Protein backbone atom coordinates (compact mmCIF):
# COMPACT_ATOMS: atom_id res chain seq x y z
CA MET A 1 -2.32 -28.60 14.55
CA ALA A 2 -4.97 -28.09 11.68
CA VAL A 3 -4.50 -30.13 8.62
CA PRO A 4 -6.57 -29.82 5.38
CA LYS A 5 -8.62 -32.79 4.68
CA LYS A 6 -8.30 -32.76 0.86
CA LYS A 7 -5.69 -31.56 -1.49
CA THR A 8 -6.26 -28.01 -2.90
CA SER A 9 -6.55 -27.89 -6.70
CA LYS A 10 -3.98 -26.00 -8.78
CA GLY A 11 -6.61 -23.66 -10.03
CA LYS A 12 -7.76 -22.68 -6.44
CA ARG A 13 -4.11 -22.20 -5.46
CA ASN A 14 -3.31 -20.02 -8.64
CA GLN A 15 -6.47 -18.04 -7.97
CA ARG A 16 -5.49 -17.22 -4.30
CA HIS A 17 -2.06 -16.23 -5.48
CA ALA A 18 -3.36 -13.96 -8.14
CA THR A 19 -5.61 -12.26 -5.71
CA TRP A 20 -2.78 -11.79 -3.34
CA LYS A 21 -0.50 -10.35 -6.08
CA ALA A 22 -3.39 -8.04 -7.31
CA LYS A 23 -3.73 -6.46 -3.82
CA ALA A 24 0.07 -5.67 -3.86
CA ALA A 25 -0.37 -3.99 -7.07
CA VAL A 26 -3.29 -1.90 -5.94
CA ALA A 27 -1.60 -0.92 -2.74
CA ALA A 28 1.58 0.22 -4.67
CA GLU A 29 -0.52 2.28 -6.98
CA LYS A 30 -2.33 3.94 -4.16
CA ALA A 31 1.06 4.65 -2.21
CA LEU A 32 2.37 6.31 -5.40
CA SER A 33 -0.65 8.39 -6.02
CA ILE A 34 -0.58 9.58 -2.34
CA GLY A 35 3.08 10.41 -2.62
CA LYS A 36 2.42 12.61 -5.77
CA SER A 37 -0.40 14.40 -4.13
CA VAL A 38 1.86 15.10 -1.10
CA LEU A 39 4.63 16.46 -3.47
CA THR A 40 2.21 18.69 -5.37
CA GLY A 41 0.60 20.01 -2.17
CA ARG A 42 -3.00 18.73 -2.89
CA ALA A 43 -3.12 16.08 -0.25
CA GLN A 44 -6.44 16.03 1.61
CA GLY A 45 -7.20 12.42 2.63
CA PHE A 46 -4.78 12.24 5.52
CA VAL A 47 -2.62 14.21 7.88
CA TYR A 48 1.16 14.12 7.88
CA PRO A 49 3.61 15.96 10.12
CA MET A 50 5.37 19.08 8.73
CA ASN A 51 8.92 19.73 9.76
CA GLU A 52 8.66 23.27 11.13
CA THR A 53 11.92 23.20 13.12
CA SER A 54 14.17 22.76 10.05
CA GLU A 55 12.50 25.84 8.38
CA GLU A 56 13.21 28.06 11.44
CA GLU A 57 16.83 26.95 11.52
CA SER A 58 17.48 27.83 7.84
CA ASP A 59 16.16 31.49 8.38
């Protein structure tokens, strides 16, 4: 099993943790933006399925 040869400094560890947390924040913001664009009908960057069968049943 691989073992690190030297102890990682607190600064390096904190920097890696901050980068990881920042990626999560960016992903959450992007998901919220995509969700808003889907609700307004302006989504163009991706394809999502439309539920056509439920519309036919309600008529």
